[in-house]
Amino acid sequence: MTKEQPEIRTETCQIELPQAIIETFARFLVPEIRKYYDSEQGQREFAEWQDAQGKTK
């Protein structure tokens, strides 16, 4: 039995966000991304991604 893939929507919305909101979100998100990539799991998954990228080139 295969799992059905969700429908992928390709339309985009044009939304302009104030720069302050973008900067606030970045201040929250960047440290979380760094923590993830510093973790064992993040490093392992990044290495797997790098291997996959090397095989597709």
PDB file of N, CA and C in Angstrom:
ATOM      1  N   MET A   1       0.850  -1.179   0.000  1.00  0.00           N
ATOM      2  CA  MET A   1       0.000   0.000   0.000  1.00  0.00           C
ATOM      3  C   MET A   1       0.896   1.242   0.000  1.00  0.00           C
ATOM      4  N   THR A   2       0.691   2.132  -0.932  1.00  0.00           N
ATOM      5  CA  THR A   2       1.513   3.335  -1.002  1.00  0.00           C
ATOM      6  C   THR A   2       0.787   4.507  -0.367  1.00  0.00           C
ATOM      7  N   LYS A   3       1.583   5.356   0.199  1.00  0.00           N
ATOM      8  CA  LYS A   3       1.036   6.541   0.834  1.00  0.00           C
ATOM      9  C   LYS A   3       0.805   7.603  -0.243  1.00  0.00           C
ATOM     10  N   GLU A   4      -0.371   8.184  -0.270  1.00  0.00           N
ATOM     11  CA  GLU A   4      -0.668   9.202  -1.272  1.00  0.00           C
ATOM     12  C   GLU A   4       0.110  10.469  -0.965  1.00  0.00           C
ATOM     13  N   GLN A   5       0.673  11.051  -2.010  1.00  0.00           N
ATOM     14  CA  GLN A   5       1.393  12.304  -1.871  1.00  0.00           C
ATOM     15  C   GLN A   5       0.390  13.456  -1.846  1.00  0.00           C
ATOM     16  N   PRO A   6       0.627  14.441  -0.986  1.00  0.00           N
ATOM     17  CA  PRO A   6      -0.283  15.591  -0.986  1.00  0.00           C
ATOM     18  C   PRO A   6      -0.113  16.381  -2.280  1.00  0.00           C
ATOM     19  N   GLU A   7      -1.163  17.042  -2.681  1.00  0.00           N
ATOM     20  CA  GLU A   7      -1.111  17.864  -3.884  1.00  0.00           C
ATOM     21  C   GLU A   7      -0.154  19.026  -3.655  1.00  0.00           C
ATOM     22  N   ILE A   8       0.725  19.257  -4.607  1.00  0.00           N
ATOM     23  CA  ILE A   8       1.678  20.351  -4.502  1.00  0.00           C
ATOM     24  C   ILE A   8       1.103  21.567  -5.211  1.00  0.00           C
ATOM     25  N   ARG A   9       0.988  22.652  -4.471  1.00  0.00           N
ATOM     26  CA  ARG A   9       0.455  23.882  -5.039  1.00  0.00           C
ATOM     27  C   ARG A   9       1.615  24.717  -5.561  1.00  0.00           C
ATOM     28  N   THR A  10       1.479  25.190  -6.774  1.00  0.00           N
ATOM     29  CA  THR A  10       2.565  25.948  -7.381  1.00  0.00           C
ATOM     30  C   THR A  10       2.282  27.439  -7.468  1.00  0.00           C
ATOM     31  N   GLU A  11       1.090  27.861  -7.129  1.00  0.00           N
ATOM     32  CA  GLU A  11       0.801  29.286  -7.211  1.00  0.00           C
ATOM     33  C   GLU A  11       1.495  30.011  -6.051  1.00  0.00           C
ATOM     34  N   THR A  12       1.852  31.237  -6.269  1.00  0.00           N
ATOM     35  CA  THR A  12       2.501  32.028  -5.234  1.00  0.00           C
ATOM     36  C   THR A  12       1.654  33.232  -4.889  1.00  0.00           C
ATOM     37  N   CYS A  13       1.853  33.718  -3.695  1.00  0.00           N
ATOM     38  CA  CYS A  13       1.151  34.912  -3.240  1.00  0.00           C
ATOM     39  C   CYS A  13       2.169  36.036  -3.109  1.00  0.00           C
ATOM     40  N   GLN A  14       1.774  37.202  -3.487  1.00  0.00           N
ATOM     41  CA  GLN A  14       2.641  38.363  -3.360  1.00  0.00           C
ATOM     42  C   GLN A  14       2.268  39.088  -2.075  1.00  0.00           C
ATOM     43  N   ILE A  15       3.111  38.923  -1.058  1.00  0.00           N
ATOM     44  CA  ILE A  15       2.874  39.569   0.225  1.00  0.00           C
ATOM     45  C   ILE A  15       4.125  40.363   0.578  1.00  0.00           C
ATOM     46  N   GLU A  16       3.948  41.605   0.905  1.00  0.00           N
ATOM     47  CA  GLU A  16       5.077  42.412   1.342  1.00  0.00           C
ATOM     48  C   GLU A  16       5.034  42.519   2.852  1.00  0.00           C
ATOM     49  N   LEU A  17       6.109  42.062   3.491  1.00  0.00           N
ATOM     50  CA  LEU A  17       6.206  42.150   4.938  1.00  0.00           C
ATOM     51  C   LEU A  17       7.107  43.311   5.314  1.00  0.00           C
ATOM     52  N   PRO A  18       6.776  44.000   6.380  1.00  0.00           N
ATOM     53  CA  PRO A  18       7.660  45.066   6.833  1.00  0.00           C
ATOM     54  C   PRO A  18       9.039  44.496   7.205  1.00  0.00           C
ATOM     55  N   GLN A  19      10.096  45.255   6.923  1.00  0.00           N
ATOM     56  CA  GLN A  19      11.459  44.813   7.200  1.00  0.00           C
ATOM     57  C   GLN A  19      11.628  44.440   8.667  1.00  0.00           C
ATOM     58  N   ALA A  20      10.977  45.142   9.569  1.00  0.00           N
ATOM     59  CA  ALA A  20      11.095  44.864  11.003  1.00  0.00           C
ATOM     60  C   ALA A  20      10.608  43.456  11.336  1.00  0.00           C
ATOM     61  N   ILE A  21       9.551  43.012  10.692  1.00  0.00           N
ATOM     62  CA  ILE A  21       9.037  41.662  10.935  1.00  0.00           C
ATOM     63  C   ILE A  21      10.032  40.619  10.421  1.00  0.00           C
ATOM     64  N   ILE A  22      10.586  40.859   9.251  1.00  0.00           N
ATOM     65  CA  ILE A  22      11.564  39.930   8.680  1.00  0.00           C
ATOM     66  C   ILE A  22      12.784  39.830   9.590  1.00  0.00           C
ATOM     67  N   GLU A  23      13.279  40.963  10.068  1.00  0.00           N
ATOM     68  CA  GLU A  23      14.456  40.974  10.938  1.00  0.00           C
ATOM     69  C   GLU A  23      14.176  40.289  12.271  1.00  0.00           C
ATOM     70  N   THR A  24      12.998  40.518  12.832  1.00  0.00           N
ATOM     71  CA  THR A  24      12.630  39.866  14.090  1.00  0.00           C
ATOM     72  C   THR A  24      12.572  38.355  13.915  1.00  0.00           C
ATOM     73  N   PHE A  25      11.980  37.905  12.831  1.00  0.00           N
ATOM     74  CA  PHE A  25      11.902  36.477  12.552  1.00  0.00           C
ATOM     75  C   PHE A  25      13.301  35.893  12.365  1.00  0.00           C
ATOM     76  N   ALA A  26      14.159  36.608  11.647  1.00  0.00           N
ATOM     77  CA  ALA A  26      15.534  36.133  11.424  1.00  0.00           C
ATOM     78  C   ALA A  26      16.295  36.036  12.742  1.00  0.00           C
ATOM     79  N   ARG A  27      16.106  37.014  13.632  1.00  0.00           N
ATOM     80  CA  ARG A  27      16.785  36.966  14.937  1.00  0.00           C
ATOM     81  C   ARG A  27      16.370  35.743  15.741  1.00  0.00           C
ATOM     82  N   PHE A  28      15.146  35.305  15.562  1.00  0.00           N
ATOM     83  CA  PHE A  28      14.683  34.088  16.231  1.00  0.00           C
ATOM     84  C   PHE A  28      15.185  32.839  15.513  1.00  0.00           C
ATOM     85  N   LEU A  29      15.084  32.822  14.194  1.00  0.00           N
ATOM     86  CA  LEU A  29      15.324  31.605  13.426  1.00  0.00           C
ATOM     87  C   LEU A  29      16.795  31.233  13.269  1.00  0.00           C
ATOM     88  N   VAL A  30      17.653  32.197  13.034  1.00  0.00           N
ATOM     89  CA  VAL A  30      19.067  31.902  12.774  1.00  0.00           C
ATOM     90  C   VAL A  30      19.715  31.137  13.935  1.00  0.00           C
ATOM     91  N   PRO A  31      19.552  31.556  15.186  1.00  0.00           N
ATOM     92  CA  PRO A  31      20.162  30.777  16.274  1.00  0.00           C
ATOM     93  C   PRO A  31      19.623  29.345  16.365  1.00  0.00           C
ATOM     94  N   GLU A  32      18.344  29.164  16.042  1.00  0.00           N
ATOM     95  CA  GLU A  32      17.764  27.817  16.066  1.00  0.00           C
ATOM     96  C   GLU A  32      18.373  26.944  14.970  1.00  0.00           C
ATOM     97  N   ILE A  33      18.586  27.505  13.796  1.00  0.00           N
ATOM     98  CA  ILE A  33      19.216  26.769  12.699  1.00  0.00           C
ATOM     99  C   ILE A  33      20.637  26.396  13.085  1.00  0.00           C
ATOM    100  N   ARG A  34      21.366  27.336  13.676  1.00  0.00           N
ATOM    101  CA  ARG A  34      22.744  27.049  14.109  1.00  0.00           C
ATOM    102  C   ARG A  34      22.777  25.926  15.132  1.00  0.00           C
ATOM    103  N   LYS A  35      21.853  25.968  16.101  1.00  0.00           N
ATOM    104  CA  LYS A  35      21.802  24.900  17.109  1.00  0.00           C
ATOM    105  C   LYS A  35      21.577  23.548  16.452  1.00  0.00           C
ATOM    106  N   TYR A  36      20.672  23.515  15.479  1.00  0.00           N
ATOM    107  CA  TYR A  36      20.375  22.256  14.796  1.00  0.00           C
ATOM    108  C   TYR A  36      21.610  21.725  14.078  1.00  0.00           C
ATOM    109  N   TYR A  37      22.287  22.590  13.314  1.00  0.00           N
ATOM    110  CA  TYR A  37      23.451  22.129  12.560  1.00  0.00           C
ATOM    111  C   TYR A  37      24.643  21.830  13.448  1.00  0.00           C
ATOM    112  N   ASP A  38      24.668  22.355  14.659  1.00  0.00           N
ATOM    113  CA  ASP A  38      25.721  22.014  15.611  1.00  0.00           C
ATOM    114  C   ASP A  38      25.452  20.685  16.317  1.00  0.00           C
ATOM    115  N   SER A  39      24.211  20.219  16.282  1.00  0.00           N
ATOM    116  CA  SER A  39      23.858  18.966  16.949  1.00  0.00           C
ATOM    117  C   SER A  39      24.353  17.765  16.135  1.00  0.00           C
ATOM    118  N   GLU A  40      24.460  16.625  16.807  1.00  0.00           N
ATOM    119  CA  GLU A  40      24.880  15.390  16.108  1.00  0.00           C
ATOM    120  C   GLU A  40      23.926  15.063  14.967  1.00  0.00           C
ATOM    121  N   GLN A  41      22.635  15.146  15.235  1.00  0.00           N
ATOM    122  CA  GLN A  41      21.641  14.825  14.211  1.00  0.00           C
ATOM    123  C   GLN A  41      21.759  15.774  13.024  1.00  0.00           C
ATOM    124  N   GLY A  42      21.912  17.054  13.292  1.00  0.00           N
ATOM    125  CA  GLY A  42      22.038  18.030  12.216  1.00  0.00           C
ATOM    126  C   GLY A  42      23.278  17.795  11.372  1.00  0.00           C
ATOM    127  N   GLN A  43      24.395  17.478  12.021  1.00  0.00           N
ATOM    128  CA  GLN A  43      25.627  17.221  11.282  1.00  0.00           C
ATOM    129  C   GLN A  43      25.500  15.953  10.434  1.00  0.00           C
ATOM    130  N   ARG A  44      24.853  14.941  10.996  1.00  0.00           N
ATOM    131  CA  ARG A  44      24.663  13.682  10.261  1.00  0.00           C
ATOM    132  C   ARG A  44      23.758  13.908   9.035  1.00  0.00           C
ATOM    133  N   GLU A  45      22.656  14.604   9.240  1.00  0.00           N
ATOM    134  CA  GLU A  45      21.741  14.849   8.122  1.00  0.00           C
ATOM    135  C   GLU A  45      22.365  15.753   7.063  1.00  0.00           C
ATOM    136  N   PHE A  46      23.183  16.708   7.486  1.00  0.00           N
ATOM    137  CA  PHE A  46      23.853  17.576   6.521  1.00  0.00           C
ATOM    138  C   PHE A  46      24.855  16.770   5.700  1.00  0.00           C
ATOM    139  N   ALA A  47      25.588  15.857   6.349  1.00  0.00           N
ATOM    140  CA  ALA A  47      26.539  15.010   5.627  1.00  0.00           C
ATOM    141  C   ALA A  47      25.799  14.113   4.629  1.00  0.00           C
ATOM    142  N   GLU A  48      24.650  13.592   5.021  1.00  0.00           N
ATOM    143  CA  GLU A  48      23.850  12.767   4.109  1.00  0.00           C
ATOM    144  C   GLU A  48      23.368  13.602   2.927  1.00  0.00           C
ATOM    145  N   TRP A  49      22.961  14.834   3.192  1.00  0.00           N
ATOM    146  CA  TRP A  49      22.508  15.723   2.124  1.00  0.00           C
ATOM    147  C   TRP A  49      23.650  16.020   1.161  1.00  0.00           C
ATOM    148  N   GLN A  50      24.846  16.285   1.724  1.00  0.00           N
ATOM    149  CA  GLN A  50      26.007  16.566   0.892  1.00  0.00           C
ATOM    150  C   GLN A  50      26.326  15.356  -0.013  1.00  0.00           C
ATOM    151  N   ASP A  51      26.263  14.152   0.567  1.00  0.00           N
ATOM    152  CA  ASP A  51      26.504  12.939  -0.227  1.00  0.00           C
ATOM    153  C   ASP A  51      25.498  12.837  -1.368  1.00  0.00           C
ATOM    154  N   ALA A  52      24.236  13.094  -1.067  1.00  0.00           N
ATOM    155  CA  ALA A  52      23.187  13.016  -2.084  1.00  0.00           C
ATOM    156  C   ALA A  52      23.413  14.068  -3.178  1.00  0.00           C
ATOM    157  N   GLN A  53      23.861  15.261  -2.797  1.00  0.00           N
ATOM    158  CA  GLN A  53      24.123  16.310  -3.787  1.00  0.00           C
ATOM    159  C   GLN A  53      25.282  15.932  -4.690  1.00  0.00           C
ATOM    160  N   GLY A  54      26.294  15.294  -4.128  1.00  0.00           N
ATOM    161  CA  GLY A  54      27.444  14.880  -4.918  1.00  0.00           C
ATOM    162  C   GLY A  54      27.089  13.804  -5.913  1.00  0.00           C
ATOM    163  N   LYS A  55      26.123  12.970  -5.595  1.00  0.00           N
ATOM    164  CA  LYS A  55      25.715  11.885  -6.483  1.00  0.00           C
ATOM    165  C   LYS A  55      24.827  12.377  -7.624  1.00  0.00           C
ATOM    166  N   THR A  56      24.168  13.524  -7.427  1.00  0.00           N
ATOM    167  CA  THR A  56      23.265  14.011  -8.467  1.00  0.00           C
ATOM    168  C   THR A  56      23.959  14.936  -9.461  1.00  0.00           C
ATOM    169  N   LYS A  57      25.176  15.343  -9.164  1.00  0.00           N
ATOM    170  CA  LYS A  57      25.899  16.254 -10.066  1.00  0.00           C
ATOM    171  C   LYS A  57      26.667  15.487 -11.119  1.00  0.00           C
TER     172      LYS A  57
END
